[in-house]
Amino acid sequence: MSKKLTSVMLRTLIGAGIFMVLVFAAGVAVGRLAGQGAVDKDQALVWLVGAIAVVAMVGAMVVSVAWMRAIDEAAREAHKAAWFWGGCGGMSLGGVALIMTSLPQSAQWSFTAFNGRTDPAAYAATGAFLMMMLMVAGYSVVWAWWWLTRMRD
Protein backbone atom coordinates (compact mmCIF):
# COMPACT_ATOMS: atom_id res chain seq x y z
CA MET A 1 0.00 0.00 0.00
CA SER A 2 1.34 3.42 -0.93
CA LYS A 3 2.26 6.00 1.70
CA LYS A 4 -0.32 8.38 0.25
CA LEU A 5 -3.07 5.79 0.65
CA THR A 6 -1.98 4.92 4.19
CA SER A 7 -2.04 8.62 5.05
CA VAL A 8 -5.55 9.00 3.62
CA MET A 9 -6.77 6.00 5.62
CA LEU A 10 -5.19 7.25 8.85
CA ARG A 11 -6.59 10.78 8.43
CA THR A 12 -10.01 9.30 7.62
CA LEU A 13 -10.02 7.19 10.80
CA ILE A 14 -8.91 10.13 12.93
CA GLY A 15 -11.51 12.40 11.32
CA ALA A 16 -14.26 9.80 11.81
CA GLY A 17 -13.32 9.45 15.48
CA ILE A 18 -13.39 13.21 16.02
CA PHE A 19 -16.72 13.40 14.15
CA MET A 20 -18.27 10.71 16.38
CA VAL A 21 -17.09 12.48 19.56
CA LEU A 22 -18.51 15.80 18.32
CA VAL A 23 -21.83 14.19 17.35
CA PHE A 24 -22.08 12.60 20.80
CA ALA A 25 -21.23 15.90 22.51
CA ALA A 26 -23.76 17.81 20.38
CA GLY A 27 -26.43 15.22 21.15
CA VAL A 28 -25.75 15.49 24.90
CA ALA A 29 -25.79 19.30 24.73
CA VAL A 30 -29.05 19.44 22.78
CA GLY A 31 -30.57 16.81 25.09
CA ARG A 32 -29.67 18.86 28.18
CA LEU A 33 -30.93 22.09 26.63
CA ALA A 34 -34.19 20.41 25.59
CA GLY A 35 -34.54 18.88 29.07
CA GLN A 36 -34.23 22.34 30.62
CA GLY A 37 -36.78 23.75 28.17
CA ALA A 38 -34.21 26.09 26.59
CA VAL A 39 -34.87 24.71 23.10
CA ASP A 40 -37.74 22.89 21.44
CA LYS A 41 -36.71 19.22 21.32
CA ASP A 42 -38.24 18.45 17.90
CA GLN A 43 -36.87 21.55 16.21
CA ALA A 44 -33.42 21.07 17.75
CA LEU A 45 -33.38 17.45 16.52
CA VAL A 46 -34.12 18.53 12.95
CA TRP A 47 -31.33 21.11 12.99
CA LEU A 48 -28.86 18.78 14.68
CA VAL A 49 -29.49 15.86 12.32
CA GLY A 50 -29.40 18.23 9.34
CA ALA A 51 -26.03 19.64 10.40
CA ILE A 52 -24.64 16.16 11.06
CA ALA A 53 -25.83 14.98 7.63
CA VAL A 54 -24.22 17.97 5.86
CA VAL A 55 -20.90 17.51 7.67
CA ALA A 56 -20.95 13.74 7.03
CA MET A 57 -21.62 14.14 3.29
CA VAL A 58 -18.97 16.87 2.88
CA GLY A 59 -16.53 14.63 4.76
CA ALA A 60 -17.41 11.69 2.52
CA MET A 61 -16.70 13.77 -0.59
CA VAL A 62 -13.37 15.00 0.81
CA VAL A 63 -12.33 11.43 1.62
CA SER A 64 -13.46 10.23 -1.84
CA VAL A 65 -11.40 12.88 -3.59
CA ALA A 66 -8.35 12.14 -1.43
CA TRP A 67 -8.79 8.39 -2.06
CA MET A 68 -9.02 8.83 -5.84
CA ARG A 69 -5.91 11.01 -5.84
CA ALA A 70 -3.97 8.45 -3.77
CA ILE A 71 -4.73 5.29 -5.79
CA ASP A 72 -2.95 4.29 -8.97
CA GLU A 73 -4.27 4.68 -12.50
CA ALA A 74 -5.49 1.08 -12.81
CA ALA A 75 -7.57 1.37 -9.64
CA ARG A 76 -8.98 4.71 -10.83
CA GLU A 77 -9.99 3.16 -14.13
CA ALA A 78 -11.64 0.23 -12.32
CA HIS A 79 -13.72 2.62 -10.22
CA LYS A 80 -14.68 4.78 -13.20
CA ALA A 81 -15.72 1.78 -15.29
CA ALA A 82 -17.62 0.24 -12.37
CA TRP A 83 -19.53 3.44 -11.61
CA PHE A 84 -20.37 4.07 -15.24
CA TRP A 85 -21.38 0.56 -16.31
CA GLY A 86 -22.46 -0.89 -12.97
CA GLY A 87 -24.05 2.25 -11.55
CA CYS A 88 -25.91 2.99 -14.78
CA GLY A 89 -26.97 -0.66 -15.07
CA GLY A 90 -28.35 -0.67 -11.53
CA MET A 91 -30.08 2.64 -12.11
CA SER A 92 -31.63 1.21 -15.27
CA LEU A 93 -33.13 -1.65 -13.25
CA GLY A 94 -34.56 0.88 -10.82
CA GLY A 95 -35.80 2.91 -13.79
CA VAL A 96 -37.85 -0.08 -14.97
CA ALA A 97 -39.57 -0.20 -11.56
CA LEU A 98 -40.08 3.56 -11.64
CA ILE A 99 -41.69 3.42 -15.10
CA MET A 100 -43.87 0.48 -14.02
CA THR A 101 -45.33 2.62 -11.23
CA SER A 102 -46.93 4.84 -13.88
CA LEU A 103 -49.32 1.99 -14.75
CA PRO A 104 -52.84 2.23 -13.31
CA GLN A 105 -52.37 -1.30 -11.90
CA SER A 106 -49.63 0.01 -9.59
CA ALA A 107 -52.34 1.61 -7.44
CA GLN A 108 -53.11 -1.92 -6.22
CA TRP A 109 -49.53 -2.60 -5.10
CA SER A 110 -48.94 -2.62 -1.37
CA PHE A 111 -45.62 -1.40 -0.03
CA THR A 112 -44.42 -0.33 3.38
CA ALA A 113 -41.60 2.17 3.66
CA PHE A 114 -38.96 2.49 6.40
CA ASN A 115 -40.19 1.74 9.92
CA GLY A 116 -43.67 0.92 8.66
CA ARG A 117 -44.30 4.57 7.77
CA THR A 118 -46.70 5.44 4.96
CA ASP A 119 -46.01 9.16 4.49
CA PRO A 120 -44.64 10.55 1.20
CA ALA A 121 -41.21 11.42 2.66
CA ALA A 122 -40.73 7.83 3.84
CA TYR A 123 -41.70 6.49 0.41
CA ALA A 124 -39.29 8.92 -1.30
CA ALA A 125 -36.45 7.98 1.07
CA THR A 126 -37.14 4.27 0.59
CA GLY A 127 -37.15 4.63 -3.20
CA ALA A 128 -33.94 6.65 -3.18
CA PHE A 129 -32.28 4.12 -0.86
CA LEU A 130 -33.33 1.18 -3.04
CA MET A 131 -32.09 2.97 -6.18
CA MET A 132 -28.72 3.59 -4.50
CA MET A 133 -28.51 -0.06 -3.46
CA LEU A 134 -29.14 -1.18 -7.06
CA MET A 135 -26.39 1.17 -8.22
CA VAL A 136 -23.95 -0.09 -5.57
CA ALA A 137 -24.79 -3.71 -6.45
CA GLY A 138 -24.14 -3.00 -10.13
CA TYR A 139 -20.93 -1.17 -9.25
CA SER A 140 -19.74 -4.11 -7.14
CA VAL A 141 -20.38 -6.65 -9.89
CA VAL A 142 -18.61 -4.61 -12.58
CA TRP A 143 -15.70 -3.70 -10.27
CA ALA A 144 -15.11 -7.39 -9.46
CA TRP A 145 -15.45 -8.34 -13.14
CA TRP A 146 -13.00 -5.56 -14.16
CA TRP A 147 -10.32 -6.84 -11.78
CA LEU A 148 -10.95 -10.54 -12.46
CA THR A 149 -10.55 -10.10 -16.22
CA ARG A 150 -7.27 -8.23 -15.75
CA MET A 151 -5.84 -10.59 -13.14
CA ARG A 152 -5.84 -13.45 -15.68
CA ASP A 153 -3.63 -11.50 -18.11
C-alpha atoms as a PDB file:
ATOM      1  CA  MET A   1       0.000   0.000   0.000  1.00  0.00           C
ATOM      2  CA  SER A   2       1.341   3.419  -0.928  1.00  0.00           C
ATOM      3  CA  LYS A   3       2.259   6.001   1.698  1.00  0.00           C
ATOM      4  CA  LYS A   4      -0.324   8.380   0.253  1.00  0.00           C
ATOM      5  CA  LEU A   5      -3.075   5.791   0.649  1.00  0.00           C
ATOM      6  CA  THR A   6      -1.979   4.923   4.188  1.00  0.00           C
ATOM      7  CA  SER A   7      -2.043   8.621   5.048  1.00  0.00           C
ATOM      8  CA  VAL A   8      -5.552   9.003   3.620  1.00  0.00           C
ATOM      9  CA  MET A   9      -6.771   6.003   5.616  1.00  0.00           C
ATOM     10  CA  LEU A  10      -5.190   7.254   8.846  1.00  0.00           C
ATOM     11  CA  ARG A  11      -6.592  10.776   8.431  1.00  0.00           C
ATOM     12  CA  THR A  12     -10.007   9.296   7.618  1.00  0.00           C
ATOM     13  CA  LEU A  13     -10.022   7.186  10.801  1.00  0.00           C
ATOM     14  CA  ILE A  14      -8.906  10.129  12.934  1.00  0.00           C
ATOM     15  CA  GLY A  15     -11.505  12.399  11.320  1.00  0.00           C
ATOM     16  CA  ALA A  16     -14.255   9.801  11.812  1.00  0.00           C
ATOM     17  CA  GLY A  17     -13.324   9.450  15.482  1.00  0.00           C
ATOM     18  CA  ILE A  18     -13.394  13.213  16.021  1.00  0.00           C
ATOM     19  CA  PHE A  19     -16.717  13.404  14.155  1.00  0.00           C
ATOM     20  CA  MET A  20     -18.272  10.708  16.385  1.00  0.00           C
ATOM     21  CA  VAL A  21     -17.087  12.477  19.557  1.00  0.00           C
ATOM     22  CA  LEU A  22     -18.510  15.798  18.323  1.00  0.00           C
ATOM     23  CA  VAL A  23     -21.829  14.187  17.348  1.00  0.00           C
ATOM     24  CA  PHE A  24     -22.076  12.598  20.802  1.00  0.00           C
ATOM     25  CA  ALA A  25     -21.230  15.903  22.512  1.00  0.00           C
ATOM     26  CA  ALA A  26     -23.757  17.807  20.376  1.00  0.00           C
ATOM     27  CA  GLY A  27     -26.432  15.216  21.154  1.00  0.00           C
ATOM     28  CA  VAL A  28     -25.746  15.490  24.902  1.00  0.00           C
ATOM     29  CA  ALA A  29     -25.787  19.300  24.730  1.00  0.00           C
ATOM     30  CA  VAL A  30     -29.048  19.437  22.779  1.00  0.00           C
ATOM     31  CA  GLY A  31     -30.572  16.807  25.094  1.00  0.00           C
ATOM     32  CA  ARG A  32     -29.666  18.863  28.178  1.00  0.00           C
ATOM     33  CA  LEU A  33     -30.935  22.093  26.625  1.00  0.00           C
ATOM     34  CA  ALA A  34     -34.187  20.410  25.586  1.00  0.00           C
ATOM     35  CA  GLY A  35     -34.543  18.876  29.069  1.00  0.00           C
ATOM     36  CA  GLN A  36     -34.233  22.342  30.616  1.00  0.00           C
ATOM     37  CA  GLY A  37     -36.777  23.753  28.165  1.00  0.00           C
ATOM     38  CA  ALA A  38     -34.214  26.094  26.590  1.00  0.00           C
ATOM     39  CA  VAL A  39     -34.870  24.713  23.099  1.00  0.00           C
ATOM     40  CA  ASP A  40     -37.738  22.889  21.436  1.00  0.00           C
ATOM     41  CA  LYS A  41     -36.712  19.216  21.321  1.00  0.00           C
ATOM     42  CA  ASP A  42     -38.238  18.448  17.900  1.00  0.00           C
ATOM     43  CA  GLN A  43     -36.874  21.555  16.205  1.00  0.00           C
ATOM     44  CA  ALA A  44     -33.423  21.073  17.746  1.00  0.00           C
ATOM     45  CA  LEU A  45     -33.383  17.450  16.524  1.00  0.00           C
ATOM     46  CA  VAL A  46     -34.123  18.532  12.945  1.00  0.00           C
ATOM     47  CA  TRP A  47     -31.328  21.112  12.994  1.00  0.00           C
ATOM     48  CA  LEU A  48     -28.861  18.775  14.684  1.00  0.00           C
ATOM     49  CA  VAL A  49     -29.488  15.856  12.321  1.00  0.00           C
ATOM     50  CA  GLY A  50     -29.399  18.232   9.339  1.00  0.00           C
ATOM     51  CA  ALA A  51     -26.034  19.642  10.404  1.00  0.00           C
ATOM     52  CA  ILE A  52     -24.643  16.161  11.059  1.00  0.00           C
ATOM     53  CA  ALA A  53     -25.831  14.985   7.627  1.00  0.00           C
ATOM     54  CA  VAL A  54     -24.216  17.972   5.860  1.00  0.00           C
ATOM     55  CA  VAL A  55     -20.896  17.505   7.671  1.00  0.00           C
ATOM     56  CA  ALA A  56     -20.946  13.739   7.034  1.00  0.00           C
ATOM     57  CA  MET A  57     -21.618  14.140   3.294  1.00  0.00           C
ATOM     58  CA  VAL A  58     -18.973  16.870   2.880  1.00  0.00           C
ATOM     59  CA  GLY A  59     -16.528  14.631   4.761  1.00  0.00           C
ATOM     60  CA  ALA A  60     -17.407  11.689   2.519  1.00  0.00           C
ATOM     61  CA  MET A  61     -16.699  13.773  -0.590  1.00  0.00           C
ATOM     62  CA  VAL A  62     -13.369  15.004   0.810  1.00  0.00           C
ATOM     63  CA  VAL A  63     -12.329  11.428   1.620  1.00  0.00           C
ATOM     64  CA  SER A  64     -13.459  10.227  -1.836  1.00  0.00           C
ATOM     65  CA  VAL A  65     -11.396  12.884  -3.591  1.00  0.00           C
ATOM     66  CA  ALA A  66      -8.351  12.138  -1.428  1.00  0.00           C
ATOM     67  CA  TRP A  67      -8.795   8.388  -2.059  1.00  0.00           C
ATOM     68  CA  MET A  68      -9.023   8.827  -5.844  1.00  0.00           C
ATOM     69  CA  ARG A  69      -5.910  11.010  -5.841  1.00  0.00           C
ATOM     70  CA  ALA A  70      -3.972   8.450  -3.774  1.00  0.00           C
ATOM     71  CA  ILE A  71      -4.734   5.289  -5.787  1.00  0.00           C
ATOM     72  CA  ASP A  72      -2.946   4.292  -8.972  1.00  0.00           C
ATOM     73  CA  GLU A  73      -4.273   4.680 -12.505  1.00  0.00           C
ATOM     74  CA  ALA A  74      -5.493   1.082 -12.812  1.00  0.00           C
ATOM     75  CA  ALA A  75      -7.572   1.367  -9.640  1.00  0.00           C
ATOM     76  CA  ARG A  76      -8.984   4.706 -10.826  1.00  0.00           C
ATOM     77  CA  GLU A  77      -9.993   3.156 -14.126  1.00  0.00           C
ATOM     78  CA  ALA A  78     -11.641   0.225 -12.320  1.00  0.00           C
ATOM     79  CA  HIS A  79     -13.717   2.621 -10.222  1.00  0.00           C
ATOM     80  CA  LYS A  80     -14.679   4.784 -13.198  1.00  0.00           C
ATOM     81  CA  ALA A  81     -15.718   1.781 -15.288  1.00  0.00           C
ATOM     82  CA  ALA A  82     -17.619   0.240 -12.369  1.00  0.00           C
ATOM     83  CA  TRP A  83     -19.531   3.437 -11.605  1.00  0.00           C
ATOM     84  CA  PHE A  84     -20.369   4.067 -15.242  1.00  0.00           C
ATOM     85  CA  TRP A  85     -21.379   0.561 -16.314  1.00  0.00           C
ATOM     86  CA  GLY A  86     -22.456  -0.886 -12.974  1.00  0.00           C
ATOM     87  CA  GLY A  87     -24.050   2.246 -11.552  1.00  0.00           C
ATOM     88  CA  CYS A  88     -25.911   2.986 -14.781  1.00  0.00           C
ATOM     89  CA  GLY A  89     -26.969  -0.665 -15.071  1.00  0.00           C
ATOM     90  CA  GLY A  90     -28.346  -0.672 -11.529  1.00  0.00           C
ATOM     91  CA  MET A  91     -30.079   2.643 -12.106  1.00  0.00           C
ATOM     92  CA  SER A  92     -31.626   1.206 -15.269  1.00  0.00           C
ATOM     93  CA  LEU A  93     -33.128  -1.646 -13.252  1.00  0.00           C
ATOM     94  CA  GLY A  94     -34.564   0.878 -10.819  1.00  0.00           C
ATOM     95  CA  GLY A  95     -35.803   2.906 -13.787  1.00  0.00           C
ATOM     96  CA  VAL A  96     -37.850  -0.081 -14.965  1.00  0.00           C
ATOM     97  CA  ALA A  97     -39.572  -0.204 -11.562  1.00  0.00           C
ATOM     98  CA  LEU A  98     -40.081   3.558 -11.644  1.00  0.00           C
ATOM     99  CA  ILE A  99     -41.693   3.415 -15.095  1.00  0.00           C
ATOM    100  CA  MET A 100     -43.869   0.479 -14.016  1.00  0.00           C
ATOM    101  CA  THR A 101     -45.326   2.618 -11.229  1.00  0.00           C
ATOM    102  CA  SER A 102     -46.926   4.836 -13.877  1.00  0.00           C
ATOM    103  CA  LEU A 103     -49.315   1.994 -14.755  1.00  0.00           C
ATOM    104  CA  PRO A 104     -52.838   2.231 -13.308  1.00  0.00           C
ATOM    105  CA  GLN A 105     -52.368  -1.298 -11.902  1.00  0.00           C
ATOM    106  CA  SER A 106     -49.631   0.009  -9.594  1.00  0.00           C
ATOM    107  CA  ALA A 107     -52.340   1.606  -7.444  1.00  0.00           C
ATOM    108  CA  GLN A 108     -53.111  -1.922  -6.218  1.00  0.00           C
ATOM    109  CA  TRP A 109     -49.534  -2.596  -5.103  1.00  0.00           C
ATOM    110  CA  SER A 110     -48.936  -2.617  -1.368  1.00  0.00           C
ATOM    111  CA  PHE A 111     -45.623  -1.397  -0.035  1.00  0.00           C
ATOM    112  CA  THR A 112     -44.419  -0.330   3.384  1.00  0.00           C
ATOM    113  CA  ALA A 113     -41.595   2.173   3.658  1.00  0.00           C
ATOM    114  CA  PHE A 114     -38.956   2.487   6.395  1.00  0.00           C
ATOM    115  CA  ASN A 115     -40.188   1.741   9.924  1.00  0.00           C
ATOM    116  CA  GLY A 116     -43.674   0.924   8.663  1.00  0.00           C
ATOM    117  CA  ARG A 117     -44.303   4.572   7.767  1.00  0.00           C
ATOM    118  CA  THR A 118     -46.697   5.441   4.957  1.00  0.00           C
ATOM    119  CA  ASP A 119     -46.006   9.165   4.494  1.00  0.00           C
ATOM    120  CA  PRO A 120     -44.637  10.550   1.196  1.00  0.00           C
ATOM    121  CA  ALA A 121     -41.213  11.420   2.656  1.00  0.00           C
ATOM    122  CA  ALA A 122     -40.727   7.829   3.837  1.00  0.00           C
ATOM    123  CA  TYR A 123     -41.696   6.487   0.415  1.00  0.00           C
ATOM    124  CA  ALA A 124     -39.288   8.920  -1.304  1.00  0.00           C
ATOM    125  CA  ALA A 125     -36.450   7.981   1.067  1.00  0.00           C
ATOM    126  CA  THR A 126     -37.137   4.266   0.591  1.00  0.00           C
ATOM    127  CA  GLY A 127     -37.152   4.632  -3.197  1.00  0.00           C
ATOM    128  CA  ALA A 128     -33.935   6.648  -3.175  1.00  0.00           C
ATOM    129  CA  PHE A 129     -32.278   4.122  -0.860  1.00  0.00           C
ATOM    130  CA  LEU A 130     -33.334   1.183  -3.038  1.00  0.00           C
ATOM    131  CA  MET A 131     -32.092   2.973  -6.183  1.00  0.00           C
ATOM    132  CA  MET A 132     -28.721   3.588  -4.499  1.00  0.00           C
ATOM    133  CA  MET A 133     -28.510  -0.064  -3.455  1.00  0.00           C
ATOM    134  CA  LEU A 134     -29.144  -1.180  -7.058  1.00  0.00           C
ATOM    135  CA  MET A 135     -26.392   1.174  -8.223  1.00  0.00           C
ATOM    136  CA  VAL A 136     -23.953  -0.088  -5.571  1.00  0.00           C
ATOM    137  CA  ALA A 137     -24.786  -3.710  -6.445  1.00  0.00           C
ATOM    138  CA  GLY A 138     -24.141  -2.999 -10.126  1.00  0.00           C
ATOM    139  CA  TYR A 139     -20.932  -1.167  -9.250  1.00  0.00           C
ATOM    140  CA  SER A 140     -19.739  -4.110  -7.140  1.00  0.00           C
ATOM    141  CA  VAL A 141     -20.375  -6.655  -9.893  1.00  0.00           C
ATOM    142  CA  VAL A 142     -18.606  -4.608 -12.582  1.00  0.00           C
ATOM    143  CA  TRP A 143     -15.703  -3.704 -10.267  1.00  0.00           C
ATOM    144  CA  ALA A 144     -15.111  -7.391  -9.461  1.00  0.00           C
ATOM    145  CA  TRP A 145     -15.449  -8.335 -13.142  1.00  0.00           C
ATOM    146  CA  TRP A 146     -13.004  -5.562 -14.155  1.00  0.00           C
ATOM    147  CA  TRP A 147     -10.324  -6.842 -11.775  1.00  0.00           C
ATOM    148  CA  LEU A 148     -10.949 -10.544 -12.457  1.00  0.00           C
ATOM    149  CA  THR A 149     -10.551 -10.095 -16.216  1.00  0.00           C
ATOM    150  CA  ARG A 150      -7.267  -8.229 -15.746  1.00  0.00           C
ATOM    151  CA  MET A 151      -5.845 -10.594 -13.136  1.00  0.00           C
ATOM    152  CA  ARG A 152      -5.841 -13.446 -15.684  1.00  0.00           C
ATOM    153  CA  ASP A 153      -3.629 -11.501 -18.110  1.00  0.00           C
END
